[in-house]
Amino acid sequence: MLEQALATGAAVQNMLLSAQSLNYGTMWRTGDMAYSDVVKEGLGLRSEDVIAAFLYIGSIGAEPKARPELDYSACCVEWNG
């Protein structure tokens, strides 16, 4: 089971990178929909099936919004071995 989950994550990441290399915008989401039995039923899945990702792939309509710089010093320290 663990190997399947890791392989799925790697496959999803490769799909995102491939789409980005072709200048598409991408987003990987899960959220509540991934755990919804209604959504699973609509997709023809069983309730015990697992949705690993919803991939959003499409044209980039605008520049991404600027994000503030994060202060990592509040949670990280440099490791000097």
PDB file of N, CA and C in Angstrom:
ATOM      1  N   MET A   1       0.821  -1.198   0.000  1.00  0.00           N
ATOM      2  CA  MET A   1       0.000   0.000   0.000  1.00  0.00           C
ATOM      3  C   MET A   1       0.865   1.262   0.000  1.00  0.00           C
ATOM      4  N   LEU A   2       1.912   1.286   0.825  1.00  0.00           N
ATOM      5  CA  LEU A   2       2.787   2.449   0.882  1.00  0.00           C
ATOM      6  C   LEU A   2       3.454   2.687  -0.471  1.00  0.00           C
ATOM      7  N   GLU A   3       3.918   1.624  -1.111  1.00  0.00           N
ATOM      8  CA  GLU A   3       4.571   1.773  -2.415  1.00  0.00           C
ATOM      9  C   GLU A   3       3.605   2.361  -3.443  1.00  0.00           C
ATOM     10  N   GLN A   4       2.345   1.941  -3.408  1.00  0.00           N
ATOM     11  CA  GLN A   4       1.347   2.486  -4.334  1.00  0.00           C
ATOM     12  C   GLN A   4       1.117   3.976  -4.084  1.00  0.00           C
ATOM     13  N   ALA A   5       1.047   4.374  -2.838  1.00  0.00           N
ATOM     14  CA  ALA A   5       0.828   5.776  -2.503  1.00  0.00           C
ATOM     15  C   ALA A   5       2.012   6.633  -2.954  1.00  0.00           C
ATOM     16  N   LEU A   6       3.222   6.148  -2.701  1.00  0.00           N
ATOM     17  CA  LEU A   6       4.410   6.898  -3.109  1.00  0.00           C
ATOM     18  C   LEU A   6       4.517   6.988  -4.630  1.00  0.00           C
ATOM     19  N   ALA A   7       4.227   5.889  -5.322  1.00  0.00           N
ATOM     20  CA  ALA A   7       4.279   5.885  -6.786  1.00  0.00           C
ATOM     21  C   ALA A   7       3.225   6.825  -7.367  1.00  0.00           C
ATOM     22  N   THR A   8       2.056   6.867  -6.744  1.00  0.00           N
ATOM     23  CA  THR A   8       1.003   7.764  -7.208  1.00  0.00           C
ATOM     24  C   THR A   8       1.422   9.219  -7.041  1.00  0.00           C
ATOM     25  N   GLY A   9       1.985   9.549  -5.897  1.00  0.00           N
ATOM     26  CA  GLY A   9       2.467  10.907  -5.672  1.00  0.00           C
ATOM     27  C   GLY A   9       3.538  11.300  -6.676  1.00  0.00           C
ATOM     28  N   ALA A  10       4.453  10.387  -6.967  1.00  0.00           N
ATOM     29  CA  ALA A  10       5.502  10.668  -7.954  1.00  0.00           C
ATOM     30  C   ALA A  10       4.903  10.855  -9.347  1.00  0.00           C
ATOM     31  N   ALA A  11       3.913  10.054  -9.690  1.00  0.00           N
ATOM     32  CA  ALA A  11       3.267  10.168 -11.002  1.00  0.00           C
ATOM     33  C   ALA A  11       2.537  11.502 -11.129  1.00  0.00           C
ATOM     34  N   VAL A  12       1.839  11.907 -10.085  1.00  0.00           N
ATOM     35  CA  VAL A  12       1.121  13.188 -10.116  1.00  0.00           C
ATOM     36  C   VAL A  12       2.119  14.333 -10.259  1.00  0.00           C
ATOM     37  N   GLN A  13       3.200  14.298  -9.511  1.00  0.00           N
ATOM     38  CA  GLN A  13       4.213  15.348  -9.609  1.00  0.00           C
ATOM     39  C   GLN A  13       4.800  15.402 -11.017  1.00  0.00           C
ATOM     40  N   ASN A  14       5.057  14.245 -11.618  1.00  0.00           N
ATOM     41  CA  ASN A  14       5.583  14.226 -12.985  1.00  0.00           C
ATOM     42  C   ASN A  14       4.581  14.793 -13.989  1.00  0.00           C
ATOM     43  N   MET A  15       3.285  14.543 -13.780  1.00  0.00           N
ATOM     44  CA  MET A  15       2.272  15.132 -14.663  1.00  0.00           C
ATOM     45  C   MET A  15       2.280  16.655 -14.539  1.00  0.00           C
ATOM     46  N   LEU A  16       2.394  17.155 -13.310  1.00  0.00           N
ATOM     47  CA  LEU A  16       2.438  18.602 -13.102  1.00  0.00           C
ATOM     48  C   LEU A  16       3.670  19.215 -13.762  1.00  0.00           C
ATOM     49  N   LEU A  17       4.820  18.600 -13.563  1.00  0.00           N
ATOM     50  CA  LEU A  17       6.051  19.124 -14.159  1.00  0.00           C
ATOM     51  C   LEU A  17       6.000  19.083 -15.680  1.00  0.00           C
ATOM     52  N   SER A  18       5.431  18.022 -16.229  1.00  0.00           N
ATOM     53  CA  SER A  18       5.309  17.916 -17.689  1.00  0.00           C
ATOM     54  C   SER A  18       4.420  19.024 -18.243  1.00  0.00           C
ATOM     55  N   ALA A  19       3.287  19.258 -17.589  1.00  0.00           N
ATOM     56  CA  ALA A  19       2.386  20.318 -18.050  1.00  0.00           C
ATOM     57  C   ALA A  19       3.051  21.684 -17.920  1.00  0.00           C
ATOM     58  N   GLN A  20       3.754  21.917 -16.813  1.00  0.00           N
ATOM     59  CA  GLN A  20       4.439  23.196 -16.630  1.00  0.00           C
ATOM     60  C   GLN A  20       5.521  23.400 -17.682  1.00  0.00           C
ATOM     61  N   SER A  21       6.193  22.333 -18.084  1.00  0.00           N
ATOM     62  CA  SER A  21       7.238  22.453 -19.108  1.00  0.00           C
ATOM     63  C   SER A  21       6.648  22.855 -20.456  1.00  0.00           C
ATOM     64  N   LEU A  22       5.347  22.647 -20.629  1.00  0.00           N
ATOM     65  CA  LEU A  22       4.647  23.050 -21.850  1.00  0.00           C
ATOM     66  C   LEU A  22       3.940  24.398 -21.664  1.00  0.00           C
ATOM     67  N   ASN A  23       4.317  25.109 -20.590  1.00  0.00           N
ATOM     68  CA  ASN A  23       3.791  26.444 -20.267  1.00  0.00           C
ATOM     69  C   ASN A  23       2.314  26.464 -19.890  1.00  0.00           C
ATOM     70  N   TYR A  24       1.847  25.391 -19.293  1.00  0.00           N
ATOM     71  CA  TYR A  24       0.505  25.375 -18.717  1.00  0.00           C
ATOM     72  C   TYR A  24       0.607  25.710 -17.236  1.00  0.00           C
ATOM     73  N   GLY A  25      -0.439  26.285 -16.714  1.00  0.00           N
ATOM     74  CA  GLY A  25      -0.529  26.492 -15.283  1.00  0.00           C
ATOM     75  C   GLY A  25      -1.061  25.217 -14.644  1.00  0.00           C
ATOM     76  N   THR A  26      -0.601  24.898 -13.448  1.00  0.00           N
ATOM     77  CA  THR A  26      -1.036  23.668 -12.788  1.00  0.00           C
ATOM     78  C   THR A  26      -1.292  23.917 -11.305  1.00  0.00           C
ATOM     79  N   MET A  27      -2.134  23.068 -10.754  1.00  0.00           N
ATOM     80  CA  MET A  27      -2.375  23.077  -9.316  1.00  0.00           C
ATOM     81  C   MET A  27      -2.813  21.674  -8.901  1.00  0.00           C
ATOM     82  N   TRP A  28      -2.287  21.214  -7.791  1.00  0.00           N
ATOM     83  CA  TRP A  28      -2.647  19.918  -7.213  1.00  0.00           C
ATOM     84  C   TRP A  28      -3.483  20.220  -5.980  1.00  0.00           C
ATOM     85  N   ARG A  29      -4.714  19.707  -5.972  1.00  0.00           N
ATOM     86  CA  ARG A  29      -5.590  19.913  -4.813  1.00  0.00           C
ATOM     87  C   ARG A  29      -6.193  18.586  -4.387  1.00  0.00           C
ATOM     88  N   THR A  30      -6.496  18.498  -3.139  1.00  0.00           N
ATOM     89  CA  THR A  30      -7.305  17.388  -2.637  1.00  0.00           C
ATOM     90  C   THR A  30      -8.485  18.014  -1.908  1.00  0.00           C
ATOM     91  N   GLY A  31      -8.342  18.267  -0.646  1.00  0.00           N
ATOM     92  CA  GLY A  31      -9.415  18.913   0.098  1.00  0.00           C
ATOM     93  C   GLY A  31     -10.592  17.988   0.345  1.00  0.00           C
ATOM     94  N   ASP A  32     -11.673  18.571   0.832  1.00  0.00           N
ATOM     95  CA  ASP A  32     -12.848  17.806   1.239  1.00  0.00           C
ATOM     96  C   ASP A  32     -13.446  16.966   0.115  1.00  0.00           C
ATOM     97  N   MET A  33     -13.379  17.476  -1.123  1.00  0.00           N
ATOM     98  CA  MET A  33     -13.968  16.725  -2.242  1.00  0.00           C
ATOM     99  C   MET A  33     -13.323  15.344  -2.409  1.00  0.00           C
ATOM    100  N   ALA A  34     -12.057  15.235  -2.090  1.00  0.00           N
ATOM    101  CA  ALA A  34     -11.353  13.960  -2.256  1.00  0.00           C
ATOM    102  C   ALA A  34     -11.871  12.893  -1.294  1.00  0.00           C
ATOM    103  N   TYR A  35     -12.543  13.322  -0.244  1.00  0.00           N
ATOM    104  CA  TYR A  35     -13.030  12.383   0.767  1.00  0.00           C
ATOM    105  C   TYR A  35     -14.548  12.219   0.727  1.00  0.00           C
ATOM    106  N   SER A  36     -15.187  12.882  -0.213  1.00  0.00           N
ATOM    107  CA  SER A  36     -16.641  12.868  -0.296  1.00  0.00           C
ATOM    108  C   SER A  36     -17.158  11.618  -1.015  1.00  0.00           C
ATOM    109  N   ASP A  37     -18.048  10.893  -0.367  1.00  0.00           N
ATOM    110  CA  ASP A  37     -18.647   9.719  -1.007  1.00  0.00           C
ATOM    111  C   ASP A  37     -19.504  10.114  -2.204  1.00  0.00           C
ATOM    112  N   VAL A  38     -20.106  11.305  -2.168  1.00  0.00           N
ATOM    113  CA  VAL A  38     -20.910  11.782  -3.299  1.00  0.00           C
ATOM    114  C   VAL A  38     -20.015  11.977  -4.526  1.00  0.00           C
ATOM    115  N   VAL A  39     -18.856  12.590  -4.325  1.00  0.00           N
ATOM    116  CA  VAL A  39     -17.912  12.801  -5.428  1.00  0.00           C
ATOM    117  C   VAL A  39     -17.406  11.457  -5.939  1.00  0.00           C
ATOM    118  N   LYS A  40     -17.046  10.576  -5.025  1.00  0.00           N
ATOM    119  CA  LYS A  40     -16.553   9.257  -5.435  1.00  0.00           C
ATOM    120  C   LYS A  40     -17.605   8.514  -6.250  1.00  0.00           C
ATOM    121  N   GLU A  41     -18.853   8.562  -5.792  1.00  0.00           N
ATOM    122  CA  GLU A  41     -19.931   7.900  -6.521  1.00  0.00           C
ATOM    123  C   GLU A  41     -20.093   8.507  -7.916  1.00  0.00           C
ATOM    124  N   GLY A  42     -20.022   9.832  -7.999  1.00  0.00           N
ATOM    125  CA  GLY A  42     -20.139  10.510  -9.282  1.00  0.00           C
ATOM    126  C   GLY A  42     -19.031  10.135 -10.253  1.00  0.00           C
ATOM    127  N   LEU A  43     -17.861   9.789  -9.712  1.00  0.00           N
ATOM    128  CA  LEU A  43     -16.736   9.373 -10.550  1.00  0.00           C
ATOM    129  C   LEU A  43     -16.704   7.860 -10.782  1.00  0.00           C
ATOM    130  N   GLY A  44     -17.711   7.160 -10.262  1.00  0.00           N
ATOM    131  CA  GLY A  44     -17.774   5.718 -10.447  1.00  0.00           C
ATOM    132  C   GLY A  44     -16.840   4.941  -9.537  1.00  0.00           C
ATOM    133  N   LEU A  45     -16.451   5.559  -8.417  1.00  0.00           N
ATOM    134  CA  LEU A  45     -15.552   4.905  -7.466  1.00  0.00           C
ATOM    135  C   LEU A  45     -16.344   4.303  -6.316  1.00  0.00           C
ATOM    136  N   ARG A  46     -15.693   3.419  -5.597  1.00  0.00           N
ATOM    137  CA  ARG A  46     -16.274   2.870  -4.374  1.00  0.00           C
ATOM    138  C   ARG A  46     -15.915   3.786  -3.208  1.00  0.00           C
ATOM    139  N   SER A  47     -16.672   3.721  -2.140  1.00  0.00           N
ATOM    140  CA  SER A  47     -16.392   4.602  -1.000  1.00  0.00           C
ATOM    141  C   SER A  47     -15.029   4.318  -0.383  1.00  0.00           C
ATOM    142  N   GLU A  48     -14.528   3.094  -0.502  1.00  0.00           N
ATOM    143  CA  GLU A  48     -13.209   2.761   0.064  1.00  0.00           C
ATOM    144  C   GLU A  48     -12.053   3.149  -0.859  1.00  0.00           C
ATOM    145  N   ASP A  49     -12.363   3.568  -2.101  1.00  0.00           N
ATOM    146  CA  ASP A  49     -11.314   4.022  -3.005  1.00  0.00           C
ATOM    147  C   ASP A  49     -10.758   5.356  -2.514  1.00  0.00           C
ATOM    148  N   VAL A  50      -9.528   5.652  -2.897  1.00  0.00           N
ATOM    149  CA  VAL A  50      -8.855   6.866  -2.451  1.00  0.00           C
ATOM    150  C   VAL A  50      -8.574   7.766  -3.649  1.00  0.00           C
ATOM    151  N   ILE A  51      -8.913   9.026  -3.519  1.00  0.00           N
ATOM    152  CA  ILE A  51      -8.574  10.023  -4.537  1.00  0.00           C
ATOM    153  C   ILE A  51      -7.286  10.699  -4.086  1.00  0.00           C
ATOM    154  N   ALA A  52      -6.258  10.569  -4.898  1.00  0.00           N
ATOM    155  CA  ALA A  52      -4.950  11.133  -4.537  1.00  0.00           C
ATOM    156  C   ALA A  52      -4.849  12.610  -4.889  1.00  0.00           C
ATOM    157  N   ALA A  53      -5.538  13.030  -5.931  1.00  0.00           N
ATOM    158  CA  ALA A  53      -5.386  14.414  -6.365  1.00  0.00           C
ATOM    159  C   ALA A  53      -6.470  14.790  -7.354  1.00  0.00           C
ATOM    160  N   PHE A  54      -6.777  16.061  -7.348  1.00  0.00           N
ATOM    161  CA  PHE A  54      -7.490  16.680  -8.454  1.00  0.00           C
ATOM    162  C   PHE A  54      -6.463  17.597  -9.104  1.00  0.00           C
ATOM    163  N   LEU A  55      -6.177  17.367 -10.363  1.00  0.00           N
ATOM    164  CA  LEU A  55      -5.193  18.189 -11.062  1.00  0.00           C
ATOM    165  C   LEU A  55      -5.904  19.249 -11.871  1.00  0.00           C
ATOM    166  N   TYR A  56      -5.512  20.466 -11.666  1.00  0.00           N
ATOM    167  CA  TYR A  56      -6.014  21.576 -12.454  1.00  0.00           C
ATOM    168  C   TYR A  56      -4.898  21.946 -13.431  1.00  0.00           C
ATOM    169  N   ILE A  57      -5.182  21.847 -14.712  1.00  0.00           N
ATOM    170  CA  ILE A  57      -4.189  22.154 -15.741  1.00  0.00           C
ATOM    171  C   ILE A  57      -4.873  23.014 -16.794  1.00  0.00           C
ATOM    172  N   GLY A  58      -4.270  24.145 -17.109  1.00  0.00           N
ATOM    173  CA  GLY A  58      -4.881  25.007 -18.109  1.00  0.00           C
ATOM    174  C   GLY A  58      -4.004  26.184 -18.469  1.00  0.00           C
ATOM    175  N   SER A  59      -4.560  27.056 -19.279  1.00  0.00           N
ATOM    176  CA  SER A  59      -3.849  28.251 -19.707  1.00  0.00           C
ATOM    177  C   SER A  59      -3.650  29.185 -18.528  1.00  0.00           C
ATOM    178  N   ILE A  60      -2.562  29.912 -18.561  1.00  0.00           N
ATOM    179  CA  ILE A  60      -2.272  30.890 -17.520  1.00  0.00           C
ATOM    180  C   ILE A  60      -2.879  32.209 -17.978  1.00  0.00           C
ATOM    181  N   GLY A  61      -3.878  32.711 -17.234  1.00  0.00           N
ATOM    182  CA  GLY A  61      -4.593  33.911 -17.632  1.00  0.00           C
ATOM    183  C   GLY A  61      -3.973  35.196 -17.116  1.00  0.00           C
ATOM    184  N   ALA A  62      -3.123  35.119 -16.114  1.00  0.00           N
ATOM    185  CA  ALA A  62      -2.529  36.317 -15.525  1.00  0.00           C
ATOM    186  C   ALA A  62      -1.278  35.905 -14.759  1.00  0.00           C
ATOM    187  N   GLU A  63      -0.489  36.879 -14.419  1.00  0.00           N
ATOM    188  CA  GLU A  63       0.688  36.613 -13.593  1.00  0.00           C
ATOM    189  C   GLU A  63       0.224  36.214 -12.188  1.00  0.00           C
ATOM    190  N   PRO A  64       0.924  35.286 -11.560  1.00  0.00           N
ATOM    191  CA  PRO A  64       0.548  34.911 -10.192  1.00  0.00           C
ATOM    192  C   PRO A  64       0.651  36.103  -9.247  1.00  0.00           C
ATOM    193  N   LYS A  65      -0.206  36.130  -8.251  1.00  0.00           N
ATOM    194  CA  LYS A  65      -0.162  37.197  -7.258  1.00  0.00           C
ATOM    195  C   LYS A  65       1.134  37.088  -6.461  1.00  0.00           C
ATOM    196  N   ALA A  66       1.682  38.235  -6.100  1.00  0.00           N
ATOM    197  CA  ALA A  66       2.895  38.254  -5.288  1.00  0.00           C
ATOM    198  C   ALA A  66       2.575  37.676  -3.908  1.00  0.00           C
ATOM    199  N   ARG A  67       3.488  36.878  -3.408  1.00  0.00           N
ATOM    200  CA  ARG A  67       3.319  36.301  -2.079  1.00  0.00           C
ATOM    201  C   ARG A  67       4.359  36.909  -1.155  1.00  0.00           C
ATOM    202  N   PRO A  68       3.978  37.156   0.083  1.00  0.00           N
ATOM    203  CA  PRO A  68       4.953  37.760   1.011  1.00  0.00           C
ATOM    204  C   PRO A  68       6.096  36.791   1.309  1.00  0.00           C
ATOM    205  N   GLU A  69       7.255  37.366   1.539  1.00  0.00           N
ATOM    206  CA  GLU A  69       8.409  36.566   1.942  1.00  0.00           C
ATOM    207  C   GLU A  69       8.129  35.959   3.320  1.00  0.00           C
ATOM    208  N   LEU A  70       8.518  34.712   3.504  1.00  0.00           N
ATOM    209  CA  LEU A  70       8.330  34.059   4.796  1.00  0.00           C
ATOM    210  C   LEU A  70       9.586  34.207   5.643  1.00  0.00           C
ATOM    211  N   ASP A  71       9.387  34.391   6.922  1.00  0.00           N
ATOM    212  CA  ASP A  71      10.504  34.472   7.857  1.00  0.00           C
ATOM    213  C   ASP A  71      10.736  33.075   8.441  1.00  0.00           C
ATOM    214  N   TYR A  72      11.658  32.358   7.850  1.00  0.00           N
ATOM    215  CA  TYR A  72      11.928  30.993   8.293  1.00  0.00           C
ATOM    216  C   TYR A  72      12.676  30.939   9.615  1.00  0.00           C
ATOM    217  N   SER A  73      13.236  32.042  10.055  1.00  0.00           N
ATOM    218  CA  SER A  73      13.987  32.026  11.309  1.00  0.00           C
ATOM    219  C   SER A  73      13.095  31.711  12.516  1.00  0.00           C
ATOM    220  N   ALA A  74      11.790  31.897  12.369  1.00  0.00           N
ATOM    221  CA  ALA A  74      10.862  31.609  13.452  1.00  0.00           C
ATOM    222  C   ALA A  74      10.651  30.115  13.647  1.00  0.00           C
ATOM    223  N   CYS A  75      10.987  29.320  12.638  1.00  0.00           N
ATOM    224  CA  CYS A  75      10.716  27.881  12.769  1.00  0.00           C
ATOM    225  C   CYS A  75      11.898  27.005  12.340  1.00  0.00           C
ATOM    226  N   CYS A  76      12.957  27.601  11.824  1.00  0.00           N
ATOM    227  CA  CYS A  76      14.060  26.791  11.290  1.00  0.00           C
ATOM    228  C   CYS A  76      15.398  27.300  11.839  1.00  0.00           C
ATOM    229  N   VAL A  77      16.319  26.393  11.967  1.00  0.00           N
ATOM    230  CA  VAL A  77      17.683  26.749  12.357  1.00  0.00           C
ATOM    231  C   VAL A  77      18.637  26.068  11.380  1.00  0.00           C
ATOM    232  N   GLU A  78      19.798  26.680  11.210  1.00  0.00           N
ATOM    233  CA  GLU A  78      20.810  26.093  10.325  1.00  0.00           C
ATOM    234  C   GLU A  78      21.496  24.944  11.041  1.00  0.00           C
ATOM    235  N   TRP A  79      21.604  23.835  10.344  1.00  0.00           N
ATOM    236  CA  TRP A  79      22.271  22.662  10.907  1.00  0.00           C
ATOM    237  C   TRP A  79      23.703  22.654  10.423  1.00  0.00           C
ATOM    238  N   ASN A  80      24.622  22.553  11.336  1.00  0.00           N
ATOM    239  CA  ASN A  80      26.056  22.567  10.998  1.00  0.00           C
ATOM    240  C   ASN A  80      26.698  21.204  11.181  1.00  0.00           C
ATOM    241  N   GLY A  81      25.886  20.173  11.307  1.00  0.00           N
ATOM    242  CA  GLY A  81      26.416  18.812  11.390  1.00  0.00           C
ATOM    243  C   GLY A  81      27.077  18.539  12.678  1.00  0.00           C
TER     244      GLY A  81
END
